[in-house]
Amino acid sequence: MPIAEVILIAVFAIVPLAFALLSLSRAYRSAGWPTATGTMTRSRVQVFSPLTNGSKVSSRWMMEIEYRYQVGGKAYTGWRVHFGSAPGLAFSRRLVARFPLHSSVAVRHHPDQPALSVLLPGASGYAWSSLLLSPAFALVGEIVYQIVSRAV
């Protein structure tokens, strides 16, 4: 196997797989993390102007979630709602409705790294989706390699 192919497989498959496994591991462990009371400091879905894509019109959007909490007298700011890939627009709107601005929230935080926190602990479908997409990244890496190797 040529070195270029090995590098592309590493970049497109192994690295995303490693991040997906780390995220899934943290998701499972977060269910047992200590809880602190926090306050929502940002909670909105920002929708940008529609983009015309041929005959379809689509919007770009971004979910903005931020909460503050304290552990051992030290203040922290978190942004993670759950572990895993980003949810779609409809689910993001439901999350924002579930965690309104200035509301009190239960924040799960890592016992040794309190800055690592999450609002919805445990492994959801979003945590698994990152792992399941890793083979697709490997396929993309192989396709890129085949295209590049033919062009040379």
N, C-alpha and C. Protein backbone atom coordinates (compact mmCIF):
# COMPACT_ATOMS: atom_id res chain seq x y z
N MET A 1 0.86 -1.18 0.00
CA MET A 1 0.00 0.00 0.00
C MET A 1 0.90 1.24 0.00
N PRO A 2 0.73 2.13 -0.95
CA PRO A 2 1.54 3.34 -1.01
C PRO A 2 1.33 4.23 0.22
N ILE A 3 2.37 4.96 0.58
CA ILE A 3 2.32 5.82 1.76
C ILE A 3 1.23 6.89 1.65
N ALA A 4 0.99 7.42 0.45
CA ALA A 4 -0.06 8.43 0.28
C ALA A 4 -1.42 7.86 0.63
N GLU A 5 -1.66 6.61 0.26
CA GLU A 5 -2.94 5.97 0.58
C GLU A 5 -3.08 5.77 2.09
N VAL A 6 -2.00 5.38 2.74
CA VAL A 6 -2.02 5.20 4.19
C VAL A 6 -2.33 6.52 4.89
N ILE A 7 -1.71 7.60 4.43
CA ILE A 7 -1.95 8.91 5.03
C ILE A 7 -3.41 9.34 4.84
N LEU A 8 -3.93 9.15 3.63
CA LEU A 8 -5.33 9.54 3.38
C LEU A 8 -6.30 8.72 4.22
N ILE A 9 -6.02 7.43 4.38
CA ILE A 9 -6.89 6.60 5.22
C ILE A 9 -6.82 7.08 6.66
N ALA A 10 -5.63 7.43 7.11
CA ALA A 10 -5.48 7.93 8.48
C ALA A 10 -6.26 9.22 8.67
N VAL A 11 -6.14 10.13 7.72
CA VAL A 11 -6.81 11.42 7.84
C VAL A 11 -8.32 11.28 7.74
N PHE A 12 -8.79 10.48 6.77
CA PHE A 12 -10.23 10.40 6.51
C PHE A 12 -10.96 9.34 7.33
N ALA A 13 -10.24 8.39 7.93
CA ALA A 13 -10.94 7.32 8.65
C ALA A 13 -10.48 7.18 10.09
N ILE A 14 -9.20 7.04 10.32
CA ILE A 14 -8.71 6.74 11.66
C ILE A 14 -8.91 7.92 12.61
N VAL A 15 -8.59 9.12 12.16
CA VAL A 15 -8.74 10.30 13.03
C VAL A 15 -10.22 10.52 13.38
N PRO A 16 -11.15 10.54 12.41
CA PRO A 16 -12.56 10.68 12.80
C PRO A 16 -13.05 9.53 13.69
N LEU A 17 -12.56 8.32 13.44
CA LEU A 17 -12.94 7.18 14.28
C LEU A 17 -12.47 7.39 15.71
N ALA A 18 -11.23 7.86 15.88
CA ALA A 18 -10.70 8.11 17.22
C ALA A 18 -11.54 9.16 17.96
N PHE A 19 -11.88 10.25 17.26
CA PHE A 19 -12.71 11.28 17.89
C PHE A 19 -14.10 10.74 18.22
N ALA A 20 -14.66 9.93 17.34
CA ALA A 20 -15.99 9.35 17.59
C ALA A 20 -15.96 8.42 18.80
N LEU A 21 -14.92 7.60 18.92
CA LEU A 21 -14.80 6.70 20.07
C LEU A 21 -14.62 7.48 21.37
N LEU A 22 -13.83 8.55 21.34
CA LEU A 22 -13.65 9.39 22.53
C LEU A 22 -14.98 10.02 22.93
N SER A 23 -15.72 10.54 21.95
CA SER A 23 -17.00 11.16 22.23
C SER A 23 -17.99 10.14 22.80
N LEU A 24 -18.03 8.96 22.23
CA LEU A 24 -18.93 7.91 22.71
C LEU A 24 -18.56 7.48 24.13
N SER A 25 -17.27 7.35 24.39
CA SER A 25 -16.80 6.98 25.73
C SER A 25 -17.20 8.04 26.75
N ARG A 26 -17.00 9.30 26.41
CA ARG A 26 -17.38 10.38 27.32
C ARG A 26 -18.90 10.41 27.52
N ALA A 27 -19.63 10.15 26.45
CA ALA A 27 -21.09 10.14 26.56
C ALA A 27 -21.55 9.12 27.58
N TYR A 28 -21.02 7.90 27.50
CA TYR A 28 -21.41 6.86 28.45
C TYR A 28 -21.00 7.22 29.87
N ARG A 29 -19.76 7.72 30.05
CA ARG A 29 -19.28 8.03 31.39
C ARG A 29 -19.99 9.24 31.98
N SER A 30 -20.48 10.16 31.15
CA SER A 30 -21.10 11.39 31.65
C SER A 30 -22.35 11.12 32.48
N ALA A 31 -23.00 9.99 32.26
CA ALA A 31 -24.20 9.66 33.02
C ALA A 31 -23.90 9.53 34.52
N GLY A 32 -22.65 9.23 34.86
CA GLY A 32 -22.27 9.09 36.26
C GLY A 32 -21.49 10.27 36.82
N TRP A 33 -21.34 11.32 36.03
CA TRP A 33 -20.60 12.50 36.50
C TRP A 33 -21.40 13.27 37.54
N PRO A 34 -20.70 14.02 38.40
CA PRO A 34 -21.40 14.86 39.38
C PRO A 34 -22.22 15.95 38.68
N THR A 35 -23.20 16.45 39.41
CA THR A 35 -24.09 17.49 38.86
C THR A 35 -23.90 18.80 39.61
N ALA A 36 -23.89 19.88 38.85
CA ALA A 36 -23.87 21.23 39.42
C ALA A 36 -25.06 21.98 38.85
N THR A 37 -25.54 22.95 39.58
CA THR A 37 -26.63 23.79 39.08
C THR A 37 -26.04 24.93 38.26
N GLY A 38 -26.59 25.11 37.08
CA GLY A 38 -26.10 26.17 36.20
C GLY A 38 -27.23 27.07 35.74
N THR A 39 -26.85 28.11 35.00
CA THR A 39 -27.81 29.06 34.45
C THR A 39 -27.53 29.22 32.96
N MET A 40 -28.58 29.17 32.16
CA MET A 40 -28.44 29.38 30.71
C MET A 40 -28.12 30.85 30.44
N THR A 41 -27.02 31.10 29.76
CA THR A 41 -26.62 32.47 29.43
C THR A 41 -26.80 32.77 27.94
N ARG A 42 -26.99 31.74 27.15
CA ARG A 42 -27.28 31.92 25.72
C ARG A 42 -28.08 30.70 25.27
N SER A 43 -29.14 30.95 24.55
CA SER A 43 -29.98 29.86 24.07
C SER A 43 -30.80 30.36 22.89
N ARG A 44 -30.29 30.08 21.70
CA ARG A 44 -31.03 30.52 20.51
C ARG A 44 -30.55 29.73 19.29
N VAL A 45 -31.40 29.74 18.29
CA VAL A 45 -31.04 29.22 16.98
C VAL A 45 -31.03 30.42 16.06
N GLN A 46 -29.89 30.65 15.45
CA GLN A 46 -29.75 31.77 14.53
C GLN A 46 -29.84 31.22 13.11
N VAL A 47 -30.83 31.70 12.36
CA VAL A 47 -31.01 31.29 10.97
C VAL A 47 -30.55 32.42 10.07
N PHE A 48 -29.66 32.08 9.17
CA PHE A 48 -29.12 33.08 8.24
C PHE A 48 -29.98 33.10 6.98
N SER A 49 -29.76 34.07 6.13
CA SER A 49 -30.56 34.21 4.92
C SER A 49 -30.50 32.94 4.08
N PRO A 50 -31.59 32.61 3.42
CA PRO A 50 -31.64 31.39 2.60
C PRO A 50 -30.61 31.44 1.47
N LEU A 51 -30.11 30.28 1.14
CA LEU A 51 -29.20 30.13 0.01
C LEU A 51 -29.95 29.43 -1.11
N THR A 52 -29.81 29.90 -2.31
CA THR A 52 -30.46 29.25 -3.44
C THR A 52 -29.52 28.18 -3.97
N ASN A 53 -30.03 26.97 -4.03
CA ASN A 53 -29.23 25.84 -4.48
C ASN A 53 -29.99 25.17 -5.63
N GLY A 54 -29.79 25.67 -6.85
CA GLY A 54 -30.56 25.15 -7.98
C GLY A 54 -32.02 25.49 -7.79
N SER A 55 -32.87 24.47 -7.72
CA SER A 55 -34.29 24.71 -7.55
C SER A 55 -34.70 24.68 -6.07
N LYS A 56 -33.77 24.31 -5.19
CA LYS A 56 -34.09 24.22 -3.77
C LYS A 56 -33.60 25.47 -3.04
N VAL A 57 -34.30 25.85 -2.00
CA VAL A 57 -33.86 26.95 -1.16
C VAL A 57 -33.58 26.36 0.22
N SER A 58 -32.39 26.61 0.72
CA SER A 58 -32.04 26.10 2.04
C SER A 58 -31.48 27.23 2.88
N SER A 59 -31.54 27.07 4.19
CA SER A 59 -31.03 28.08 5.11
C SER A 59 -29.83 27.53 5.86
N ARG A 60 -28.91 28.42 6.15
CA ARG A 60 -27.82 28.07 7.05
C ARG A 60 -28.28 28.48 8.43
N TRP A 61 -27.86 27.74 9.45
CA TRP A 61 -28.29 28.03 10.80
C TRP A 61 -27.21 27.61 11.78
N MET A 62 -27.35 28.10 12.99
CA MET A 62 -26.40 27.76 14.04
C MET A 62 -27.11 27.79 15.38
N MET A 63 -26.94 26.72 16.15
CA MET A 63 -27.49 26.69 17.50
C MET A 63 -26.44 27.28 18.44
N GLU A 64 -26.87 28.23 19.25
CA GLU A 64 -25.98 28.85 20.22
C GLU A 64 -26.49 28.53 21.62
N ILE A 65 -25.75 27.70 22.31
CA ILE A 65 -26.08 27.30 23.68
C ILE A 65 -24.87 27.61 24.55
N GLU A 66 -25.13 28.26 25.68
CA GLU A 66 -24.07 28.53 26.65
C GLU A 66 -24.68 28.56 28.04
N TYR A 67 -23.96 27.99 29.00
CA TYR A 67 -24.43 27.97 30.37
C TYR A 67 -23.24 28.18 31.30
N ARG A 68 -23.54 28.71 32.48
CA ARG A 68 -22.49 28.94 33.49
C ARG A 68 -22.84 28.12 34.72
N TYR A 69 -21.79 27.63 35.36
CA TYR A 69 -21.96 26.82 36.56
C TYR A 69 -20.69 26.93 37.41
N GLN A 70 -20.78 26.49 38.66
CA GLN A 70 -19.63 26.54 39.55
C GLN A 70 -19.34 25.17 40.12
N VAL A 71 -18.05 24.87 40.24
CA VAL A 71 -17.60 23.64 40.88
C VAL A 71 -16.46 24.03 41.82
N GLY A 72 -16.62 23.70 43.09
CA GLY A 72 -15.58 24.03 44.07
C GLY A 72 -15.29 25.51 44.16
N GLY A 73 -16.31 26.35 43.97
CA GLY A 73 -16.14 27.79 44.06
C GLY A 73 -15.56 28.45 42.82
N LYS A 74 -15.24 27.66 41.80
CA LYS A 74 -14.69 28.21 40.56
C LYS A 74 -15.78 28.22 39.49
N ALA A 75 -15.88 29.34 38.75
CA ALA A 75 -16.90 29.49 37.71
C ALA A 75 -16.43 28.89 36.38
N TYR A 76 -17.35 28.24 35.70
CA TYR A 76 -17.08 27.63 34.39
C TYR A 76 -18.18 28.03 33.42
N THR A 77 -17.85 28.00 32.14
CA THR A 77 -18.82 28.22 31.07
C THR A 77 -18.81 27.00 30.18
N GLY A 78 -19.99 26.46 29.90
CA GLY A 78 -20.11 25.29 29.04
C GLY A 78 -20.96 25.59 27.82
N TRP A 79 -20.85 24.74 26.83
CA TRP A 79 -21.61 24.90 25.58
C TRP A 79 -22.16 23.58 25.06
N ARG A 80 -21.71 22.47 25.63
CA ARG A 80 -22.09 21.15 25.11
C ARG A 80 -23.46 20.73 25.63
N VAL A 81 -24.36 20.45 24.71
CA VAL A 81 -25.69 19.95 25.09
C VAL A 81 -25.62 18.43 25.22
N HIS A 82 -24.99 17.77 24.27
CA HIS A 82 -24.85 16.31 24.28
C HIS A 82 -23.57 15.96 23.54
N PHE A 83 -23.10 14.75 23.72
CA PHE A 83 -21.94 14.29 22.98
C PHE A 83 -22.39 13.73 21.64
N GLY A 84 -21.59 13.94 20.61
CA GLY A 84 -21.90 13.42 19.29
C GLY A 84 -22.03 14.54 18.27
N SER A 85 -22.55 14.16 17.13
CA SER A 85 -22.64 15.11 16.01
C SER A 85 -23.73 16.15 16.27
N ALA A 86 -23.70 17.19 15.47
CA ALA A 86 -24.66 18.28 15.61
C ALA A 86 -26.05 17.84 15.17
N PRO A 87 -27.08 18.27 15.90
CA PRO A 87 -28.46 17.92 15.53
C PRO A 87 -28.95 18.79 14.37
N GLY A 88 -30.06 18.39 13.79
CA GLY A 88 -30.67 19.16 12.72
C GLY A 88 -31.37 20.40 13.25
N LEU A 89 -31.88 21.21 12.35
CA LEU A 89 -32.50 22.47 12.72
C LEU A 89 -33.71 22.27 13.63
N ALA A 90 -34.59 21.34 13.30
CA ALA A 90 -35.81 21.14 14.10
C ALA A 90 -35.45 20.69 15.53
N PHE A 91 -34.50 19.77 15.65
CA PHE A 91 -34.10 19.30 16.98
C PHE A 91 -33.39 20.41 17.74
N SER A 92 -32.60 21.22 17.05
CA SER A 92 -31.94 22.36 17.70
C SER A 92 -32.97 23.32 18.28
N ARG A 93 -34.03 23.55 17.55
CA ARG A 93 -35.09 24.44 18.05
C ARG A 93 -35.76 23.84 19.29
N ARG A 94 -35.94 22.53 19.31
CA ARG A 94 -36.52 21.88 20.49
C ARG A 94 -35.58 21.99 21.69
N LEU A 95 -34.26 21.87 21.45
CA LEU A 95 -33.29 22.00 22.54
C LEU A 95 -33.31 23.41 23.12
N VAL A 96 -33.38 24.41 22.25
CA VAL A 96 -33.42 25.80 22.71
C VAL A 96 -34.70 26.03 23.52
N ALA A 97 -35.80 25.46 23.10
CA ALA A 97 -37.05 25.59 23.86
C ALA A 97 -36.95 24.88 25.21
N ARG A 98 -36.22 23.78 25.25
CA ARG A 98 -36.05 23.01 26.49
C ARG A 98 -35.14 23.72 27.48
N PHE A 99 -34.18 24.49 26.96
CA PHE A 99 -33.21 25.20 27.81
C PHE A 99 -33.29 26.71 27.54
N PRO A 100 -34.37 27.37 27.99
CA PRO A 100 -34.54 28.81 27.70
C PRO A 100 -33.52 29.67 28.44
N LEU A 101 -33.28 30.84 27.89
CA LEU A 101 -32.36 31.81 28.45
C LEU A 101 -32.71 32.10 29.91
N HIS A 102 -31.71 32.16 30.76
CA HIS A 102 -31.80 32.47 32.19
C HIS A 102 -32.43 31.35 33.03
N SER A 103 -32.73 30.22 32.41
CA SER A 103 -33.31 29.13 33.19
C SER A 103 -32.21 28.40 33.96
N SER A 104 -32.63 27.71 35.01
CA SER A 104 -31.72 26.91 35.82
C SER A 104 -31.61 25.53 35.18
N VAL A 105 -30.38 25.01 35.08
CA VAL A 105 -30.16 23.71 34.43
C VAL A 105 -29.24 22.85 35.30
N ALA A 106 -29.41 21.54 35.16
CA ALA A 106 -28.51 20.58 35.80
C ALA A 106 -27.36 20.31 34.83
N VAL A 107 -26.15 20.60 35.28
CA VAL A 107 -24.96 20.44 34.44
C VAL A 107 -24.15 19.26 34.97
N ARG A 108 -23.92 18.28 34.12
CA ARG A 108 -23.02 17.18 34.47
C ARG A 108 -21.62 17.60 34.08
N HIS A 109 -20.66 17.41 35.00
CA HIS A 109 -19.28 17.79 34.71
C HIS A 109 -18.33 16.66 35.08
N HIS A 110 -17.24 16.58 34.35
CA HIS A 110 -16.22 15.56 34.59
C HIS A 110 -15.67 15.78 36.00
N PRO A 111 -15.53 14.71 36.80
CA PRO A 111 -15.08 14.88 38.18
C PRO A 111 -13.66 15.44 38.31
N ASP A 112 -12.78 15.13 37.35
CA ASP A 112 -11.40 15.61 37.42
C ASP A 112 -11.13 16.82 36.52
N GLN A 113 -12.03 17.06 35.57
CA GLN A 113 -11.90 18.19 34.64
C GLN A 113 -13.24 18.91 34.58
N PRO A 114 -13.56 19.71 35.59
CA PRO A 114 -14.89 20.32 35.66
C PRO A 114 -15.26 21.19 34.47
N ALA A 115 -14.29 21.64 33.69
CA ALA A 115 -14.60 22.44 32.50
C ALA A 115 -15.27 21.59 31.41
N LEU A 116 -15.13 20.27 31.49
CA LEU A 116 -15.78 19.36 30.53
C LEU A 116 -17.17 19.05 31.07
N SER A 117 -18.18 19.56 30.39
CA SER A 117 -19.54 19.45 30.92
C SER A 117 -20.54 19.14 29.81
N VAL A 118 -21.74 18.75 30.22
CA VAL A 118 -22.81 18.41 29.27
C VAL A 118 -24.16 18.57 29.97
N LEU A 119 -25.17 18.97 29.20
CA LEU A 119 -26.52 19.11 29.74
C LEU A 119 -27.32 17.81 29.65
N LEU A 120 -27.13 17.06 28.57
CA LEU A 120 -27.84 15.79 28.38
C LEU A 120 -26.82 14.66 28.40
N PRO A 121 -26.60 14.05 29.57
CA PRO A 121 -25.58 13.01 29.66
C PRO A 121 -26.04 11.71 29.00
N GLY A 122 -25.09 10.84 28.80
CA GLY A 122 -25.39 9.53 28.23
C GLY A 122 -25.17 9.52 26.73
N ALA A 123 -25.29 8.33 26.17
CA ALA A 123 -25.04 8.13 24.74
C ALA A 123 -26.35 8.18 23.98
N SER A 124 -26.53 9.24 23.23
CA SER A 124 -27.71 9.38 22.39
C SER A 124 -27.39 8.88 20.99
N GLY A 125 -28.37 8.93 20.13
CA GLY A 125 -28.14 8.56 18.74
C GLY A 125 -27.11 9.43 18.07
N TYR A 126 -26.99 10.68 18.55
CA TYR A 126 -26.00 11.59 17.97
C TYR A 126 -24.58 11.15 18.31
N ALA A 127 -24.38 10.55 19.47
CA ALA A 127 -23.05 10.03 19.83
C ALA A 127 -22.70 8.84 18.93
N TRP A 128 -23.68 8.00 18.66
CA TRP A 128 -23.44 6.84 17.80
C TRP A 128 -23.27 7.22 16.34
N SER A 129 -23.93 8.28 15.89
CA SER A 129 -23.87 8.64 14.47
C SER A 129 -22.46 9.00 14.03
N SER A 130 -21.70 9.64 14.90
CA SER A 130 -20.31 9.97 14.55
C SER A 130 -19.51 8.70 14.31
N LEU A 131 -19.73 7.70 15.14
CA LEU A 131 -19.02 6.43 15.00
C LEU A 131 -19.43 5.72 13.71
N LEU A 132 -20.71 5.74 13.42
CA LEU A 132 -21.21 5.02 12.25
C LEU A 132 -20.81 5.69 10.94
N LEU A 133 -20.46 6.98 11.00
CA LEU A 133 -20.05 7.69 9.79
C LEU A 133 -18.57 7.46 9.43
N SER A 134 -17.80 6.89 10.34
CA SER A 134 -16.36 6.68 10.08
C SER A 134 -16.08 5.87 8.82
N PRO A 135 -16.80 4.79 8.54
CA PRO A 135 -16.55 4.07 7.28
C PRO A 135 -16.79 4.94 6.04
N ALA A 136 -17.73 5.86 6.13
CA ALA A 136 -17.96 6.77 5.00
C ALA A 136 -16.75 7.66 4.78
N PHE A 137 -16.12 8.10 5.86
CA PHE A 137 -14.90 8.91 5.72
C PHE A 137 -13.79 8.09 5.09
N ALA A 138 -13.69 6.80 5.44
CA ALA A 138 -12.67 5.93 4.83
C ALA A 138 -12.91 5.82 3.33
N LEU A 139 -14.16 5.68 2.94
CA LEU A 139 -14.50 5.59 1.52
C LEU A 139 -14.13 6.89 0.79
N VAL A 140 -14.39 8.02 1.41
CA VAL A 140 -14.01 9.31 0.82
C VAL A 140 -12.50 9.37 0.64
N GLY A 141 -11.75 8.91 1.65
CA GLY A 141 -10.29 8.90 1.55
C GLY A 141 -9.81 8.04 0.40
N GLU A 142 -10.43 6.89 0.22
CA GLU A 142 -10.04 6.00 -0.89
C GLU A 142 -10.37 6.62 -2.24
N ILE A 143 -11.53 7.26 -2.34
CA ILE A 143 -11.92 7.92 -3.59
C ILE A 143 -10.95 9.05 -3.92
N VAL A 144 -10.61 9.86 -2.91
CA VAL A 144 -9.65 10.94 -3.12
C VAL A 144 -8.31 10.38 -3.59
N TYR A 145 -7.86 9.31 -2.94
CA TYR A 145 -6.59 8.70 -3.34
C TYR A 145 -6.64 8.22 -4.80
N GLN A 146 -7.73 7.56 -5.19
CA GLN A 146 -7.85 7.05 -6.55
C GLN A 146 -7.85 8.19 -7.57
N ILE A 147 -8.52 9.27 -7.25
CA ILE A 147 -8.56 10.42 -8.16
C ILE A 147 -7.17 11.06 -8.27
N VAL A 148 -6.52 11.24 -7.15
CA VAL A 148 -5.19 11.86 -7.16
C VAL A 148 -4.16 10.98 -7.84
N SER A 149 -4.23 9.68 -7.57
CA SER A 149 -3.22 8.78 -8.16
C SER A 149 -3.39 8.65 -9.68
N ARG A 150 -4.60 8.78 -10.17
CA ARG A 150 -4.84 8.73 -11.62
C ARG A 150 -4.39 10.01 -12.31
N ALA A 151 -4.46 11.13 -11.58
CA ALA A 151 -4.08 12.41 -12.15
C ALA A 151 -2.56 12.56 -12.26
N VAL A 152 -1.84 11.78 -11.48
CA VAL A 152 -0.37 11.90 -11.48
C VAL A 152 0.26 11.11 -12.56
